[in-house]
């Protein structure tokens, strides 16, 4: 079985292993397919306690979210066709970091429709909010076109009035051919150094042409050849997620 790996910093690799001891997060979720055929697919969730990963399982694909020691925290459907997943990992000094991913299903295959983002940070014992970077996704359909709005709230602390928090919204449109959300297409003509968070094996890759992109403040993301990348610094990209998983054997 081929299983795709994603970290909270969005490293995605392929591996083969048996499930082993797992723990269910929730009951199965039925999601409406984006593919040509009508009907629904069933998504299952498993938390692998022994290695701190969470599995998002469809009939043909499995995504493995690494750095998910606290398991999947929240799941919800957006307009029946998109699945929001929040998962957690320990941070420093007793804090917990949450990350979010959004999936769709097309012809029984899972697709990661946008990069994996980091979310709130709070104390794991007292649940006291230390800093907040929350994504509140909303999806709507207009003129046979899906739109996604992500609501970012940054730099909120327990002694800060919420009205003083910095807020940013990002509105995206859906590409039905690639099964991704994006803001615009931008032209790239450069060779970049690409890093995989939490893993060795950096490499260089040339990009030339127009690519789907999105930007949150100073942070830009690009989608190319099935991968999501974050522009970490000039000519340096971080791999932030693949858009679809390999078919299971």
C-alpha atoms as a PDB file:
ATOM      1  CA  UNK A   1       0.000   0.000   0.000  1.00  0.00           C
ATOM      2  CA  UNK A   2       1.368   3.414  -0.934  1.00  0.00           C
ATOM      3  CA  UNK A   3       0.712   6.038   1.721  1.00  0.00           C
ATOM      4  CA  UNK A   4       1.447   9.713   1.342  1.00  0.00           C
ATOM      5  CA  UNK A   5       3.134  11.517   4.213  1.00  0.00           C
ATOM      6  CA  UNK A   6       2.505  15.126   5.266  1.00  0.00           C
ATOM      7  CA  UNK A   7       4.073  16.934   8.199  1.00  0.00           C
ATOM      8  CA  UNK A   8       2.738  19.985   9.962  1.00  0.00           C
ATOM      9  CA  UNK A   9       5.533  21.767   8.121  1.00  0.00           C
ATOM     10  CA  UNK A  10       4.211  19.932   5.125  1.00  0.00           C
ATOM     11  CA  UNK A  11       6.852  17.418   4.146  1.00  0.00           C
ATOM     12  CA  UNK A  12       5.230  14.878   1.840  1.00  0.00           C
ATOM     13  CA  UNK A  13       6.851  11.580   0.999  1.00  0.00           C
ATOM     14  CA  UNK A  14       5.711   8.082   0.036  1.00  0.00           C
ATOM     15  CA  UNK A  15       6.208   4.946   2.099  1.00  0.00           C
ATOM     16  CA  UNK A  16       4.764   1.516   2.703  1.00  0.00           C
ATOM     17  CA  UNK A  17       3.835   0.144   6.111  1.00  0.00           C
ATOM     18  CA  UNK A  18       1.022  -1.660   7.887  1.00  0.00           C
ATOM     19  CA  UNK A  19      -1.342   0.350  10.048  1.00  0.00           C
ATOM     20  CA  UNK A  20      -0.321  -1.304  13.324  1.00  0.00           C
ATOM     21  CA  UNK A  21      -1.974  -0.014  16.481  1.00  0.00           C
ATOM     22  CA  UNK A  22      -4.238   2.937  15.703  1.00  0.00           C
ATOM     23  CA  UNK A  23      -6.934   4.927  17.441  1.00  0.00           C
ATOM     24  CA  UNK A  24     -10.037   6.253  15.712  1.00  0.00           C
ATOM     25  CA  UNK A  25     -10.629   9.999  15.894  1.00  0.00           C
ATOM     26  CA  UNK A  26     -14.249  10.119  14.899  1.00  0.00           C
ATOM     27  CA  UNK A  27     -16.955   8.265  13.061  1.00  0.00           C
ATOM     28  CA  UNK A  28     -16.515   8.017   9.308  1.00  0.00           C
ATOM     29  CA  UNK A  29     -17.351  11.092   7.251  1.00  0.00           C
ATOM     30  CA  UNK A  30     -19.150  10.888   3.926  1.00  0.00           C
ATOM     31  CA  UNK A  31     -18.031  13.451   1.365  1.00  0.00           C
ATOM     32  CA  UNK A  32     -19.552  14.275  -2.005  1.00  0.00           C
ATOM     33  CA  UNK A  33     -17.244  13.481  -4.915  1.00  0.00           C
ATOM     34  CA  UNK A  34     -15.902  16.213  -7.206  1.00  0.00           C
ATOM     35  CA  UNK A  35     -15.406  13.726 -10.037  1.00  0.00           C
ATOM     36  CA  UNK A  36     -17.463  13.053 -13.130  1.00  0.00           C
ATOM     37  CA  UNK A  37     -19.393  10.291 -11.414  1.00  0.00           C
ATOM     38  CA  UNK A  38     -22.032  11.176  -8.853  1.00  0.00           C
ATOM     39  CA  UNK A  39     -22.122   9.809  -5.344  1.00  0.00           C
ATOM     40  CA  UNK A  40     -20.245   9.947  -2.077  1.00  0.00           C
ATOM     41  CA  UNK A  41     -16.991   8.595  -0.674  1.00  0.00           C
ATOM     42  CA  UNK A  42     -16.274   7.647   2.924  1.00  0.00           C
ATOM     43  CA  UNK A  43     -13.299   9.163   4.753  1.00  0.00           C
ATOM     44  CA  UNK A  44     -11.850   7.411   7.805  1.00  0.00           C
ATOM     45  CA  UNK A  45      -9.401   8.711  10.403  1.00  0.00           C
ATOM     46  CA  UNK A  46      -6.785   6.824  12.393  1.00  0.00           C
ATOM     47  CA  UNK A  47      -4.218   8.074  14.909  1.00  0.00           C
ATOM     48  CA  UNK A  48      -0.989   6.056  15.012  1.00  0.00           C
ATOM     49  CA  UNK A  49      -0.022   6.486  18.652  1.00  0.00           C
ATOM     50  CA  UNK A  50       3.361   4.785  18.323  1.00  0.00           C
ATOM     51  CA  UNK A  51       4.789   7.269  15.817  1.00  0.00           C
ATOM     52  CA  UNK A  52       2.575  10.347  16.286  1.00  0.00           C
ATOM     53  CA  UNK A  53       0.979  10.332  12.855  1.00  0.00           C
ATOM     54  CA  UNK A  54      -2.643  10.624  11.747  1.00  0.00           C
ATOM     55  CA  UNK A  55      -4.108   8.888   8.718  1.00  0.00           C
ATOM     56  CA  UNK A  56      -6.800  10.317   6.451  1.00  0.00           C
ATOM     57  CA  UNK A  57      -8.102   7.322   4.519  1.00  0.00           C
ATOM     58  CA  UNK A  58     -10.157   7.185   1.320  1.00  0.00           C
ATOM     59  CA  UNK A  59     -10.984   4.154  -0.823  1.00  0.00           C
ATOM     60  CA  UNK A  60      -7.942   4.606  -3.100  1.00  0.00           C
ATOM     61  CA  UNK A  61      -5.603   6.953  -1.189  1.00  0.00           C
ATOM     62  CA  UNK A  62      -4.255   7.467   2.314  1.00  0.00           C
ATOM     63  CA  UNK A  63      -2.649  10.689   3.525  1.00  0.00           C
ATOM     64  CA  UNK A  64      -0.351  10.360   6.531  1.00  0.00           C
ATOM     65  CA  UNK A  65      -0.061  13.571   8.561  1.00  0.00           C
ATOM     66  CA  UNK A  66       3.182  13.404  10.549  1.00  0.00           C
ATOM     67  CA  UNK A  67       4.002  15.630  13.535  1.00  0.00           C
ATOM     68  CA  UNK A  68       0.483  14.831  14.718  1.00  0.00           C
ATOM     69  CA  UNK A  69       1.228  13.507  18.193  1.00  0.00           C
ATOM     70  CA  UNK A  70      -2.068  14.830  19.594  1.00  0.00           C
ATOM     71  CA  UNK A  71      -4.010  13.352  16.713  1.00  0.00           C
ATOM     72  CA  UNK A  72      -6.793  14.893  14.677  1.00  0.00           C
ATOM     73  CA  UNK A  73      -8.512  17.593  16.698  1.00  0.00           C
ATOM     74  CA  UNK A  74     -11.333  18.726  14.459  1.00  0.00           C
ATOM     75  CA  UNK A  75     -12.986  17.712  11.180  1.00  0.00           C
ATOM     76  CA  UNK A  76     -15.822  19.350   9.293  1.00  0.00           C
ATOM     77  CA  UNK A  77     -17.384  19.343   5.842  1.00  0.00           C
ATOM     78  CA  UNK A  78     -17.493  22.539   3.787  1.00  0.00           C
ATOM     79  CA  UNK A  79     -20.314  22.569   1.218  1.00  0.00           C
ATOM     80  CA  UNK A  80     -20.379  18.740   1.314  1.00  0.00           C
ATOM     81  CA  UNK A  81     -17.412  18.524  -1.091  1.00  0.00           C
ATOM     82  CA  UNK A  82     -14.463  19.765   0.962  1.00  0.00           C
ATOM     83  CA  UNK A  83     -13.062  18.307   4.183  1.00  0.00           C
ATOM     84  CA  UNK A  84     -11.344  20.505   6.756  1.00  0.00           C
ATOM     85  CA  UNK A  85      -8.941  18.674   9.099  1.00  0.00           C
ATOM     86  CA  UNK A  86      -7.120  20.153  12.104  1.00  0.00           C
ATOM     87  CA  UNK A  87      -4.331  18.161  13.760  1.00  0.00           C
ATOM     88  CA  UNK A  88      -1.943  18.884  16.626  1.00  0.00           C
ATOM     89  CA  UNK A  89       1.658  18.480  17.705  1.00  0.00           C
ATOM     90  CA  UNK A  90       3.593  19.530  20.823  1.00  0.00           C
ATOM     91  CA  UNK A  91       5.384  22.860  20.844  1.00  0.00           C
ATOM     92  CA  UNK A  92       8.044  24.243  23.157  1.00  0.00           C
ATOM     93  CA  UNK A  93       7.436  25.060  26.827  1.00  0.00           C
ATOM     94  CA  UNK A  94       4.177  23.131  27.044  1.00  0.00           C
ATOM     95  CA  UNK A  95       2.582  24.773  24.029  1.00  0.00           C
ATOM     96  CA  UNK A  96       0.643  22.949  21.322  1.00  0.00           C
ATOM     97  CA  UNK A  97       0.719  23.793  17.632  1.00  0.00           C
ATOM     98  CA  UNK A  98      -2.262  23.030  15.451  1.00  0.00           C
ATOM     99  CA  UNK A  99      -2.155  22.728  11.679  1.00  0.00           C
ATOM    100  CA  UNK A 100      -4.912  22.536   9.107  1.00  0.00           C
ATOM    101  CA  UNK A 101      -5.384  20.785   5.803  1.00  0.00           C
ATOM    102  CA  UNK A 102      -8.308  20.878   3.376  1.00  0.00           C
ATOM    103  CA  UNK A 103      -9.086  17.935   1.094  1.00  0.00           C
ATOM    104  CA  UNK A 104     -11.525  17.032  -1.640  1.00  0.00           C
ATOM    105  CA  UNK A 105     -12.264  13.699  -3.293  1.00  0.00           C
ATOM    106  CA  UNK A 106     -12.394  13.188  -7.051  1.00  0.00           C
ATOM    107  CA  UNK A 107     -13.009   9.774  -8.608  1.00  0.00           C
ATOM    108  CA  UNK A 108     -12.224   8.144  -5.230  1.00  0.00           C
ATOM    109  CA  UNK A 109      -8.853   9.926  -4.915  1.00  0.00           C
ATOM    110  CA  UNK A 110      -7.953  12.363  -2.124  1.00  0.00           C
ATOM    111  CA  UNK A 111      -6.580  15.772  -3.113  1.00  0.00           C
ATOM    112  CA  UNK A 112      -4.913  18.351  -0.885  1.00  0.00           C
ATOM    113  CA  UNK A 113      -6.535  21.514  -2.241  1.00  0.00           C
ATOM    114  CA  UNK A 114      -4.188  24.070  -0.619  1.00  0.00           C
ATOM    115  CA  UNK A 115      -0.943  24.070   1.401  1.00  0.00           C
ATOM    116  CA  UNK A 116      -0.955  22.919   5.019  1.00  0.00           C
ATOM    117  CA  UNK A 117      -1.061  25.940   7.336  1.00  0.00           C
ATOM    118  CA  UNK A 118      -0.067  26.341  10.971  1.00  0.00           C
ATOM    119  CA  UNK A 119      -2.775  27.434  13.383  1.00  0.00           C
ATOM    120  CA  UNK A 120      -3.174  28.270  17.074  1.00  0.00           C
ATOM    121  CA  UNK A 121      -0.542  27.884  19.770  1.00  0.00           C
ATOM    122  CA  UNK A 122      -1.724  27.324  23.345  1.00  0.00           C
ATOM    123  CA  UNK A 123      -0.549  25.731  26.571  1.00  0.00           C
ATOM    124  CA  UNK A 124      -1.312  22.022  26.471  1.00  0.00           C
ATOM    125  CA  UNK A 125      -2.081  21.748  30.215  1.00  0.00           C
ATOM    126  CA  UNK A 126      -3.914  24.971  31.069  1.00  0.00           C
ATOM    127  CA  UNK A 127      -5.326  25.507  27.557  1.00  0.00           C
ATOM    128  CA  UNK A 128      -4.251  29.147  27.936  1.00  0.00           C
ATOM    129  CA  UNK A 129      -3.946  30.924  24.617  1.00  0.00           C
ATOM    130  CA  UNK A 130      -0.376  32.074  23.977  1.00  0.00           C
ATOM    131  CA  UNK A 131      -0.595  33.143  20.350  1.00  0.00           C
ATOM    132  CA  UNK A 132      -3.274  32.573  17.775  1.00  0.00           C
ATOM    133  CA  UNK A 133      -3.032  32.032  14.044  1.00  0.00           C
ATOM    134  CA  UNK A 134      -6.466  30.636  13.283  1.00  0.00           C
ATOM    135  CA  UNK A 135      -7.806  29.680   9.909  1.00  0.00           C
ATOM    136  CA  UNK A 136     -11.589  29.707   9.708  1.00  0.00           C
ATOM    137  CA  UNK A 137     -12.435  28.368   6.246  1.00  0.00           C
ATOM    138  CA  UNK A 138     -15.688  29.066   4.446  1.00  0.00           C
ATOM    139  CA  UNK A 139     -16.690  27.752   1.005  1.00  0.00           C
ATOM    140  CA  UNK A 140     -19.469  28.891  -1.307  1.00  0.00           C
ATOM    141  CA  UNK A 141     -20.454  28.237  -4.908  1.00  0.00           C
ATOM    142  CA  UNK A 142     -21.223  31.022  -7.350  1.00  0.00           C
ATOM    143  CA  UNK A 143     -21.788  30.541 -11.065  1.00  0.00           C
ATOM    144  CA  UNK A 144     -20.526  26.930 -10.998  1.00  0.00           C
ATOM    145  CA  UNK A 145     -17.326  28.189  -9.355  1.00  0.00           C
ATOM    146  CA  UNK A 146     -16.251  27.289  -5.820  1.00  0.00           C
ATOM    147  CA  UNK A 147     -14.700  29.998  -3.662  1.00  0.00           C
ATOM    148  CA  UNK A 148     -12.721  29.514  -0.444  1.00  0.00           C
ATOM    149  CA  UNK A 149     -12.113  32.240   2.136  1.00  0.00           C
ATOM    150  CA  UNK A 150      -9.466  31.710   4.817  1.00  0.00           C
ATOM    151  CA  UNK A 151      -9.623  33.969   7.870  1.00  0.00           C
ATOM    152  CA  UNK A 152      -6.238  34.525   9.525  1.00  0.00           C
ATOM    153  CA  UNK A 153      -5.915  36.077  12.995  1.00  0.00           C
ATOM    154  CA  UNK A 154      -2.341  36.756  14.110  1.00  0.00           C
ATOM    155  CA  UNK A 155      -0.517  37.821  17.270  1.00  0.00           C
ATOM    156  CA  UNK A 156      -3.334  37.499  19.793  1.00  0.00           C
ATOM    157  CA  UNK A 157      -2.271  36.801  23.393  1.00  0.00           C
ATOM    158  CA  UNK A 158      -4.288  36.229  26.589  1.00  0.00           C
ATOM    159  CA  UNK A 159      -3.836  39.860  27.688  1.00  0.00           C
ATOM    160  CA  UNK A 160      -4.639  41.342  24.286  1.00  0.00           C
ATOM    161  CA  UNK A 161      -8.068  42.629  23.330  1.00  0.00           C
ATOM    162  CA  UNK A 162      -9.252  40.707  20.263  1.00  0.00           C
ATOM    163  CA  UNK A 163     -10.061  44.000  18.577  1.00  0.00           C
ATOM    164  CA  UNK A 164      -6.326  44.734  18.492  1.00  0.00           C
ATOM    165  CA  UNK A 165      -5.436  41.498  16.731  1.00  0.00           C
ATOM    166  CA  UNK A 166      -4.173  41.592  13.177  1.00  0.00           C
ATOM    167  CA  UNK A 167      -6.672  40.066  10.770  1.00  0.00           C
ATOM    168  CA  UNK A 168      -6.103  38.923   7.204  1.00  0.00           C
ATOM    169  CA  UNK A 169      -8.470  37.303   4.734  1.00  0.00           C
ATOM    170  CA  UNK A 170      -7.497  35.289   1.676  1.00  0.00           C
ATOM    171  CA  UNK A 171     -10.095  34.503  -1.010  1.00  0.00           C
ATOM    172  CA  UNK A 172      -9.354  31.694  -3.482  1.00  0.00           C
ATOM    173  CA  UNK A 173     -11.032  30.100  -6.507  1.00  0.00           C
ATOM    174  CA  UNK A 174     -11.135  26.390  -7.345  1.00  0.00           C
ATOM    175  CA  UNK A 175      -9.418  24.804 -10.333  1.00  0.00           C
ATOM    176  CA  UNK A 176     -11.506  21.713 -11.173  1.00  0.00           C
ATOM    177  CA  UNK A 177      -8.824  20.239 -13.441  1.00  0.00           C
ATOM    178  CA  UNK A 178      -6.070  20.286 -10.811  1.00  0.00           C
ATOM    179  CA  UNK A 179      -8.373  20.074  -7.761  1.00  0.00           C
ATOM    180  CA  UNK A 180      -6.732  23.016  -5.984  1.00  0.00           C
ATOM    181  CA  UNK A 181      -7.667  26.477  -4.726  1.00  0.00           C
ATOM    182  CA  UNK A 182      -5.543  29.459  -5.785  1.00  0.00           C
ATOM    183  CA  UNK A 183      -5.619  33.262  -6.040  1.00  0.00           C
ATOM    184  CA  UNK A 184      -3.900  33.968  -9.331  1.00  0.00           C
ATOM    185  CA  UNK A 185      -1.312  32.608 -11.736  1.00  0.00           C
ATOM    186  CA  UNK A 186       2.154  34.129 -11.647  1.00  0.00           C
ATOM    187  CA  UNK A 187       5.094  33.796 -13.997  1.00  0.00           C
ATOM    188  CA  UNK A 188       8.262  32.182 -12.613  1.00  0.00           C
ATOM    189  CA  UNK A 189      11.576  31.818 -14.415  1.00  0.00           C
ATOM    190  CA  UNK A 190      14.190  30.797 -11.888  1.00  0.00           C
ATOM    191  CA  UNK A 191      16.038  27.920 -10.279  1.00  0.00           C
ATOM    192  CA  UNK A 192      15.191  27.453  -6.595  1.00  0.00           C
ATOM    193  CA  UNK A 193      16.737  25.598  -3.693  1.00  0.00           C
ATOM    194  CA  UNK A 194      14.007  23.314  -2.299  1.00  0.00           C
ATOM    195  CA  UNK A 195      13.959  22.101   1.323  1.00  0.00           C
ATOM    196  CA  UNK A 196      11.852  19.337   2.821  1.00  0.00           C
ATOM    197  CA  UNK A 197      11.018  20.275   6.410  1.00  0.00           C
ATOM    198  CA  UNK A 198      12.309  17.785   8.946  1.00  0.00           C
ATOM    199  CA  UNK A 199      14.174  15.699   6.371  1.00  0.00           C
ATOM    200  CA  UNK A 200      17.480  15.571   4.545  1.00  0.00           C
ATOM    201  CA  UNK A 201      17.775  15.647   0.799  1.00  0.00           C
ATOM    202  CA  UNK A 202      17.490  19.285  -0.312  1.00  0.00           C
ATOM    203  CA  UNK A 203      17.596  19.769  -4.048  1.00  0.00           C
ATOM    204  CA  UNK A 204      17.374  22.415  -6.764  1.00  0.00           C
ATOM    205  CA  UNK A 205      14.514  22.735  -9.219  1.00  0.00           C
ATOM    206  CA  UNK A 206      13.916  25.036 -12.181  1.00  0.00           C
ATOM    207  CA  UNK A 207      10.526  26.719 -12.603  1.00  0.00           C
ATOM    208  CA  UNK A 208       9.522  28.393 -15.835  1.00  0.00           C
ATOM    209  CA  UNK A 209       5.989  29.334 -16.813  1.00  0.00           C
ATOM    210  CA  UNK A 210       2.736  30.434 -15.173  1.00  0.00           C
ATOM    211  CA  UNK A 211       1.859  28.713 -11.897  1.00  0.00           C
ATOM    212  CA  UNK A 212      -1.143  28.884  -9.543  1.00  0.00           C
ATOM    213  CA  UNK A 213      -0.256  30.894  -6.449  1.00  0.00           C
ATOM    214  CA  UNK A 214      -1.610  32.417  -3.254  1.00  0.00           C
ATOM    215  CA  UNK A 215      -0.196  34.904  -0.759  1.00  0.00           C
ATOM    216  CA  UNK A 216      -0.864  35.648   2.889  1.00  0.00           C
ATOM    217  CA  UNK A 217       0.850  38.914   3.692  1.00  0.00           C
ATOM    218  CA  UNK A 218       4.534  38.430   2.938  1.00  0.00           C
ATOM    219  CA  UNK A 219       4.192  34.647   2.570  1.00  0.00           C
ATOM    220  CA  UNK A 220       3.705  33.323  -0.976  1.00  0.00           C
ATOM    221  CA  UNK A 221       2.814  29.790  -2.081  1.00  0.00           C
ATOM    222  CA  UNK A 222       3.137  28.192  -5.527  1.00  0.00           C
ATOM    223  CA  UNK A 223       1.679  25.021  -7.016  1.00  0.00           C
ATOM    224  CA  UNK A 224       3.817  23.211  -9.588  1.00  0.00           C
ATOM    225  CA  UNK A 225       3.989  19.622 -10.851  1.00  0.00           C
ATOM    226  CA  UNK A 226       1.665  18.348  -8.136  1.00  0.00           C
ATOM    227  CA  UNK A 227       3.465  20.052  -5.227  1.00  0.00           C
ATOM    228  CA  UNK A 228       2.738  23.039  -2.993  1.00  0.00           C
ATOM    229  CA  UNK A 229       5.751  25.252  -2.194  1.00  0.00           C
ATOM    230  CA  UNK A 230       6.242  28.164   0.188  1.00  0.00           C
ATOM    231  CA  UNK A 231       8.635  30.954  -0.785  1.00  0.00           C
ATOM    232  CA  UNK A 232      10.797  30.812   2.341  1.00  0.00           C
ATOM    233  CA  UNK A 233      13.303  33.416   1.212  1.00  0.00           C
ATOM    234  CA  UNK A 234      14.738  34.582  -2.094  1.00  0.00           C
ATOM    235  CA  UNK A 235      15.270  31.567  -4.366  1.00  0.00           C
ATOM    236  CA  UNK A 236      14.526  29.176  -1.484  1.00  0.00           C
ATOM    237  CA  UNK A 237      11.310  27.100  -1.339  1.00  0.00           C
ATOM    238  CA  UNK A 238       9.850  24.829   1.330  1.00  0.00           C
ATOM    239  CA  UNK A 239       7.826  21.822   0.198  1.00  0.00           C
ATOM    240  CA  UNK A 240       4.366  22.392   1.707  1.00  0.00           C
ATOM    241  CA  UNK A 241       2.360  19.451   0.380  1.00  0.00           C
ATOM    242  CA  UNK A 242       1.459  17.374  -2.644  1.00  0.00           C
ATOM    243  CA  UNK A 243      -1.965  17.795  -4.167  1.00  0.00           C
ATOM    244  CA  UNK A 244      -2.854  14.127  -4.565  1.00  0.00           C
ATOM    245  CA  UNK A 245      -1.719  10.765  -3.268  1.00  0.00           C
ATOM    246  CA  UNK A 246      -0.639   7.744  -5.258  1.00  0.00           C
ATOM    247  CA  UNK A 247      -3.143   5.023  -5.897  1.00  0.00           C
ATOM    248  CA  UNK A 248      -2.953   2.203  -3.385  1.00  0.00           C
ATOM    249  CA  UNK A 249      -1.991  -1.236  -4.629  1.00  0.00           C
END
